[in-house]
Amino acid sequence: MELFAKVLTNINVERRLFLTQGCFPSLPQSEGCRGIELQVKDDCGILWNFGCIKRSWAKQKLSGWFQFVRSKELHAADIVIFHREDDIFTEAHYKIELKRKNISTSSRKKEI
């Protein structure tokens, strides 16, 4: 089940990713705690650990995000989609899907 999608901005790929209040109900919550660890699998089956830190009533910041961005060579205008898959035998599993803006690989390498 798709939870939410985000079109990445320059700030998202260069510094940090903030999730807005609309994403909060989709993420696991921890009573009385300002943060949780969110384990997310990418399309290659690699497990990424994001620290989801509540910064204010309206925003949460993902730590560990920058390593993911660099590893996947993400750019502004790329889209990340978070999914949740429920399993009756185990906990919910989270996945991240990437949709790249239409730009050739050779053009991307020139930008770097």
N, C-alpha and C. Protein backbone atom coordinates (compact mmCIF):
# COMPACT_ATOMS: atom_id res chain seq x y z
N MET A 1 0.85 -1.17 0.00
CA MET A 1 0.00 0.00 0.00
C MET A 1 0.90 1.24 0.00
N GLU A 2 0.63 2.14 -0.92
CA GLU A 2 1.41 3.38 -0.97
C GLU A 2 1.00 4.28 0.19
N LEU A 3 2.01 4.77 0.92
CA LEU A 3 1.75 5.67 2.04
C LEU A 3 1.80 7.12 1.60
N PHE A 4 2.89 7.49 0.94
CA PHE A 4 3.02 8.85 0.44
C PHE A 4 4.16 8.91 -0.56
N ALA A 5 4.11 9.94 -1.38
CA ALA A 5 5.16 10.19 -2.37
C ALA A 5 5.68 11.60 -2.17
N LYS A 6 6.94 11.82 -2.52
CA LYS A 6 7.55 13.14 -2.37
C LYS A 6 8.42 13.42 -3.57
N VAL A 7 8.18 14.57 -4.20
CA VAL A 7 9.05 15.05 -5.26
C VAL A 7 10.21 15.75 -4.56
N LEU A 8 11.41 15.29 -4.83
CA LEU A 8 12.58 15.81 -4.13
C LEU A 8 12.97 17.21 -4.62
N THR A 9 13.38 18.04 -3.68
CA THR A 9 13.87 19.38 -3.97
C THR A 9 15.39 19.38 -3.82
N ASN A 10 16.03 20.47 -4.17
CA ASN A 10 17.48 20.59 -3.98
C ASN A 10 17.86 20.40 -2.51
N ILE A 11 17.08 20.95 -1.60
CA ILE A 11 17.36 20.79 -0.16
C ILE A 11 17.28 19.32 0.23
N ASN A 12 16.30 18.59 -0.32
CA ASN A 12 16.14 17.17 0.00
C ASN A 12 17.33 16.34 -0.44
N VAL A 13 17.97 16.69 -1.54
CA VAL A 13 19.09 15.89 -2.03
C VAL A 13 20.45 16.42 -1.58
N GLU A 14 20.50 17.66 -1.12
CA GLU A 14 21.78 18.23 -0.68
C GLU A 14 21.94 18.28 0.83
N ARG A 15 20.82 18.31 1.56
CA ARG A 15 20.94 18.50 3.01
C ARG A 15 20.10 17.54 3.85
N ARG A 16 18.78 17.57 3.66
CA ARG A 16 17.91 16.80 4.55
C ARG A 16 16.54 16.59 3.93
N LEU A 17 15.82 15.65 4.51
CA LEU A 17 14.44 15.41 4.10
C LEU A 17 13.54 15.60 5.31
N PHE A 18 12.60 16.51 5.19
CA PHE A 18 11.58 16.69 6.20
C PHE A 18 10.29 16.10 5.67
N LEU A 19 9.58 15.38 6.52
CA LEU A 19 8.27 14.85 6.19
C LEU A 19 7.24 15.72 6.88
N THR A 20 6.20 16.09 6.15
CA THR A 20 5.19 16.97 6.70
C THR A 20 4.16 16.19 7.52
N GLN A 21 3.33 16.93 8.19
CA GLN A 21 2.35 16.35 9.10
C GLN A 21 1.46 15.31 8.42
N GLY A 22 1.17 15.46 7.15
CA GLY A 22 0.33 14.51 6.44
C GLY A 22 0.92 13.11 6.37
N CYS A 23 2.23 12.99 6.51
CA CYS A 23 2.89 11.68 6.47
C CYS A 23 2.86 10.98 7.82
N PHE A 24 2.65 11.73 8.90
CA PHE A 24 2.75 11.17 10.25
C PHE A 24 1.88 9.95 10.49
N PRO A 25 0.60 9.96 10.13
CA PRO A 25 -0.23 8.78 10.43
C PRO A 25 0.27 7.52 9.72
N SER A 26 1.02 7.68 8.64
CA SER A 26 1.51 6.54 7.88
C SER A 26 2.70 5.85 8.53
N LEU A 27 3.37 6.55 9.42
CA LEU A 27 4.59 6.02 10.03
C LEU A 27 4.30 5.44 11.40
N PRO A 28 5.10 4.45 11.82
CA PRO A 28 4.89 3.89 13.16
C PRO A 28 5.14 4.96 14.22
N GLN A 29 4.38 4.92 15.29
CA GLN A 29 4.52 5.92 16.36
C GLN A 29 5.04 5.25 17.63
N SER A 30 5.74 6.03 18.42
CA SER A 30 6.26 5.55 19.69
C SER A 30 5.79 6.51 20.78
N GLU A 31 5.10 5.98 21.76
CA GLU A 31 4.54 6.81 22.83
C GLU A 31 5.63 7.56 23.60
N GLY A 32 5.46 8.85 23.75
CA GLY A 32 6.35 9.66 24.58
C GLY A 32 7.77 9.78 24.05
N CYS A 33 7.98 9.46 22.81
CA CYS A 33 9.33 9.48 22.24
C CYS A 33 9.36 10.47 21.08
N ARG A 34 10.48 11.17 20.93
CA ARG A 34 10.60 12.16 19.85
C ARG A 34 11.08 11.53 18.55
N GLY A 35 11.41 10.25 18.55
CA GLY A 35 11.89 9.64 17.32
C GLY A 35 11.74 8.14 17.30
N ILE A 36 11.83 7.59 16.10
CA ILE A 36 11.78 6.15 15.90
C ILE A 36 12.82 5.78 14.85
N GLU A 37 13.15 4.50 14.78
CA GLU A 37 13.98 4.02 13.69
C GLU A 37 13.07 3.34 12.69
N LEU A 38 13.20 3.77 11.45
CA LEU A 38 12.37 3.25 10.38
C LEU A 38 13.26 2.45 9.44
N GLN A 39 13.00 1.15 9.33
CA GLN A 39 13.77 0.29 8.42
C GLN A 39 12.99 0.17 7.12
N VAL A 40 13.67 0.48 6.02
CA VAL A 40 13.03 0.54 4.71
C VAL A 40 13.88 -0.23 3.71
N LYS A 41 13.24 -1.09 2.91
CA LYS A 41 13.96 -1.82 1.85
C LYS A 41 13.82 -1.07 0.53
N ASP A 42 14.93 -1.02 -0.21
CA ASP A 42 14.88 -0.41 -1.53
C ASP A 42 14.57 -1.47 -2.58
N ASP A 43 14.54 -1.08 -3.85
CA ASP A 43 14.18 -2.01 -4.92
C ASP A 43 15.22 -3.10 -5.14
N CYS A 44 16.42 -2.95 -4.57
CA CYS A 44 17.47 -3.99 -4.67
C CYS A 44 17.45 -4.91 -3.45
N GLY A 45 16.54 -4.67 -2.52
CA GLY A 45 16.45 -5.49 -1.32
C GLY A 45 17.39 -5.04 -0.21
N ILE A 46 18.05 -3.90 -0.38
CA ILE A 46 18.95 -3.37 0.65
C ILE A 46 18.12 -2.71 1.73
N LEU A 47 18.43 -3.01 2.98
CA LEU A 47 17.72 -2.44 4.11
C LEU A 47 18.40 -1.16 4.55
N TRP A 48 17.65 -0.08 4.60
CA TRP A 48 18.14 1.23 5.03
C TRP A 48 17.51 1.57 6.36
N ASN A 49 18.31 2.12 7.27
CA ASN A 49 17.80 2.55 8.57
C ASN A 49 17.74 4.07 8.59
N PHE A 50 16.54 4.58 8.69
CA PHE A 50 16.33 6.01 8.79
C PHE A 50 15.86 6.32 10.21
N GLY A 51 16.49 7.29 10.83
CA GLY A 51 16.00 7.78 12.11
C GLY A 51 14.96 8.84 11.81
N CYS A 52 13.77 8.66 12.30
CA CYS A 52 12.69 9.60 12.06
C CYS A 52 12.53 10.43 13.32
N ILE A 53 12.99 11.68 13.26
CA ILE A 53 13.07 12.54 14.44
C ILE A 53 12.03 13.64 14.34
N LYS A 54 11.19 13.74 15.34
CA LYS A 54 10.16 14.77 15.36
C LYS A 54 10.80 16.10 15.71
N ARG A 55 10.76 17.05 14.78
CA ARG A 55 11.39 18.37 14.97
C ARG A 55 10.39 19.40 15.47
N SER A 56 9.16 19.28 15.10
CA SER A 56 8.10 20.18 15.55
C SER A 56 6.78 19.44 15.37
N TRP A 57 5.70 20.09 15.70
CA TRP A 57 4.40 19.43 15.55
C TRP A 57 4.07 19.18 14.09
N ALA A 58 4.72 19.90 13.17
CA ALA A 58 4.36 19.79 11.76
C ALA A 58 5.41 19.07 10.90
N LYS A 59 6.59 18.76 11.45
CA LYS A 59 7.64 18.17 10.62
C LYS A 59 8.41 17.08 11.36
N GLN A 60 8.86 16.10 10.58
CA GLN A 60 9.78 15.08 11.06
C GLN A 60 10.95 15.03 10.09
N LYS A 61 12.14 14.84 10.64
CA LYS A 61 13.35 14.78 9.82
C LYS A 61 13.84 13.34 9.77
N LEU A 62 14.29 12.90 8.59
CA LEU A 62 14.87 11.57 8.45
C LEU A 62 16.39 11.67 8.52
N SER A 63 16.99 11.05 9.52
CA SER A 63 18.45 10.96 9.55
C SER A 63 18.84 9.70 8.79
N GLY A 64 20.05 9.68 8.25
CA GLY A 64 20.48 8.57 7.41
C GLY A 64 20.06 8.76 5.96
N TRP A 65 19.28 9.79 5.72
CA TRP A 65 18.75 10.07 4.40
C TRP A 65 19.86 10.42 3.41
N PHE A 66 20.83 11.22 3.83
CA PHE A 66 21.87 11.70 2.93
C PHE A 66 22.68 10.54 2.33
N GLN A 67 22.96 9.52 3.12
CA GLN A 67 23.69 8.36 2.61
C GLN A 67 22.87 7.64 1.52
N PHE A 68 21.58 7.56 1.72
CA PHE A 68 20.69 6.95 0.74
C PHE A 68 20.70 7.74 -0.57
N VAL A 69 20.59 9.06 -0.45
CA VAL A 69 20.58 9.94 -1.62
C VAL A 69 21.86 9.78 -2.43
N ARG A 70 23.00 9.78 -1.76
CA ARG A 70 24.28 9.64 -2.46
C ARG A 70 24.43 8.26 -3.10
N SER A 71 24.01 7.24 -2.38
CA SER A 71 24.12 5.88 -2.90
C SER A 71 23.28 5.69 -4.17
N LYS A 72 22.10 6.28 -4.17
CA LYS A 72 21.17 6.12 -5.30
C LYS A 72 21.34 7.22 -6.35
N GLU A 73 22.24 8.17 -6.10
CA GLU A 73 22.48 9.29 -7.01
C GLU A 73 21.18 10.02 -7.36
N LEU A 74 20.44 10.38 -6.31
CA LEU A 74 19.17 11.07 -6.51
C LEU A 74 19.41 12.55 -6.82
N HIS A 75 18.45 13.12 -7.52
CA HIS A 75 18.51 14.52 -7.92
C HIS A 75 17.17 15.19 -7.64
N ALA A 76 17.18 16.52 -7.62
CA ALA A 76 15.93 17.26 -7.49
C ALA A 76 14.99 16.84 -8.62
N ALA A 77 13.72 16.75 -8.32
CA ALA A 77 12.63 16.35 -9.22
C ALA A 77 12.46 14.84 -9.32
N ASP A 78 13.41 14.04 -8.78
CA ASP A 78 13.16 12.61 -8.65
C ASP A 78 12.06 12.44 -7.61
N ILE A 79 11.38 11.32 -7.66
CA ILE A 79 10.27 11.06 -6.73
C ILE A 79 10.59 9.83 -5.90
N VAL A 80 10.37 9.94 -4.59
CA VAL A 80 10.46 8.77 -3.72
C VAL A 80 9.05 8.44 -3.24
N ILE A 81 8.76 7.15 -3.25
CA ILE A 81 7.44 6.69 -2.82
C ILE A 81 7.64 5.68 -1.70
N PHE A 82 7.03 5.93 -0.57
CA PHE A 82 7.11 5.03 0.57
C PHE A 82 5.88 4.12 0.56
N HIS A 83 6.13 2.82 0.77
CA HIS A 83 5.07 1.81 0.80
C HIS A 83 5.11 1.07 2.14
N ARG A 84 3.97 0.58 2.54
CA ARG A 84 3.88 -0.30 3.71
C ARG A 84 3.21 -1.58 3.27
N GLU A 85 3.84 -2.69 3.65
CA GLU A 85 3.27 -4.00 3.36
C GLU A 85 3.02 -4.71 4.68
N ASP A 86 1.79 -5.04 4.93
CA ASP A 86 1.43 -5.72 6.17
C ASP A 86 1.51 -7.22 5.97
N ASP A 87 2.05 -7.90 6.97
CA ASP A 87 2.21 -9.35 6.94
C ASP A 87 1.58 -9.88 8.22
N ILE A 88 0.73 -10.89 8.11
CA ILE A 88 0.04 -11.40 9.30
C ILE A 88 0.99 -12.12 10.26
N PHE A 89 2.16 -12.53 9.78
CA PHE A 89 3.10 -13.27 10.63
C PHE A 89 4.20 -12.39 11.22
N THR A 90 4.50 -11.30 10.56
CA THR A 90 5.55 -10.41 11.05
C THR A 90 5.02 -8.98 11.11
N GLU A 91 5.86 -8.07 11.51
CA GLU A 91 5.47 -6.67 11.57
C GLU A 91 5.29 -6.11 10.15
N ALA A 92 4.81 -4.89 10.09
CA ALA A 92 4.71 -4.20 8.81
C ALA A 92 6.10 -4.00 8.24
N HIS A 93 6.21 -4.07 6.93
CA HIS A 93 7.47 -3.83 6.24
C HIS A 93 7.31 -2.55 5.42
N TYR A 94 8.36 -1.77 5.39
CA TYR A 94 8.34 -0.53 4.63
C TYR A 94 9.29 -0.65 3.45
N LYS A 95 8.87 -0.11 2.33
CA LYS A 95 9.69 -0.12 1.12
C LYS A 95 9.75 1.29 0.54
N ILE A 96 10.82 1.55 -0.20
CA ILE A 96 10.96 2.84 -0.86
C ILE A 96 11.17 2.58 -2.35
N GLU A 97 10.41 3.29 -3.15
CA GLU A 97 10.48 3.16 -4.61
C GLU A 97 10.99 4.49 -5.16
N LEU A 98 11.80 4.43 -6.19
CA LEU A 98 12.35 5.62 -6.81
C LEU A 98 11.80 5.78 -8.22
N LYS A 99 11.42 6.99 -8.55
CA LYS A 99 11.05 7.32 -9.92
C LYS A 99 11.90 8.51 -10.31
N ARG A 100 12.70 8.31 -11.31
CA ARG A 100 13.63 9.34 -11.74
C ARG A 100 12.99 10.26 -12.76
N LYS A 101 13.39 11.54 -12.69
CA LYS A 101 12.92 12.45 -13.73
C LYS A 101 13.53 12.01 -15.06
N ASN A 102 12.91 12.35 -16.14
CA ASN A 102 13.39 11.92 -17.46
C ASN A 102 14.61 12.71 -17.87
N ILE A 103 15.76 12.14 -17.58
CA ILE A 103 17.03 12.73 -17.98
C ILE A 103 17.98 11.58 -18.20
N SER A 104 18.74 11.63 -19.24
CA SER A 104 19.61 10.50 -19.56
C SER A 104 20.72 10.36 -18.54
N THR A 105 21.23 9.14 -18.40
CA THR A 105 22.31 8.87 -17.46
C THR A 105 23.55 9.69 -17.80
N SER A 106 23.85 9.84 -19.08
CA SER A 106 25.04 10.60 -19.47
C SER A 106 24.89 12.07 -19.07
N SER A 107 23.69 12.62 -19.16
CA SER A 107 23.45 14.00 -18.75
C SER A 107 23.62 14.15 -17.25
N ARG A 108 23.17 13.15 -16.49
CA ARG A 108 23.31 13.20 -15.03
C ARG A 108 24.77 13.21 -14.63
N LYS A 109 25.57 12.40 -15.27
CA LYS A 109 26.98 12.32 -14.90
C LYS A 109 27.69 13.65 -15.15
N LYS A 110 27.25 14.39 -16.18
CA LYS A 110 27.85 15.70 -16.47
C LYS A 110 27.53 16.70 -15.38
N GLU A 111 26.33 16.57 -14.74
CA GLU A 111 25.92 17.48 -13.69
C GLU A 111 26.79 17.34 -12.45
N ILE A 112 27.29 16.15 -12.19
CA ILE A 112 28.03 15.86 -10.96
C ILE A 112 29.37 16.43 -10.98
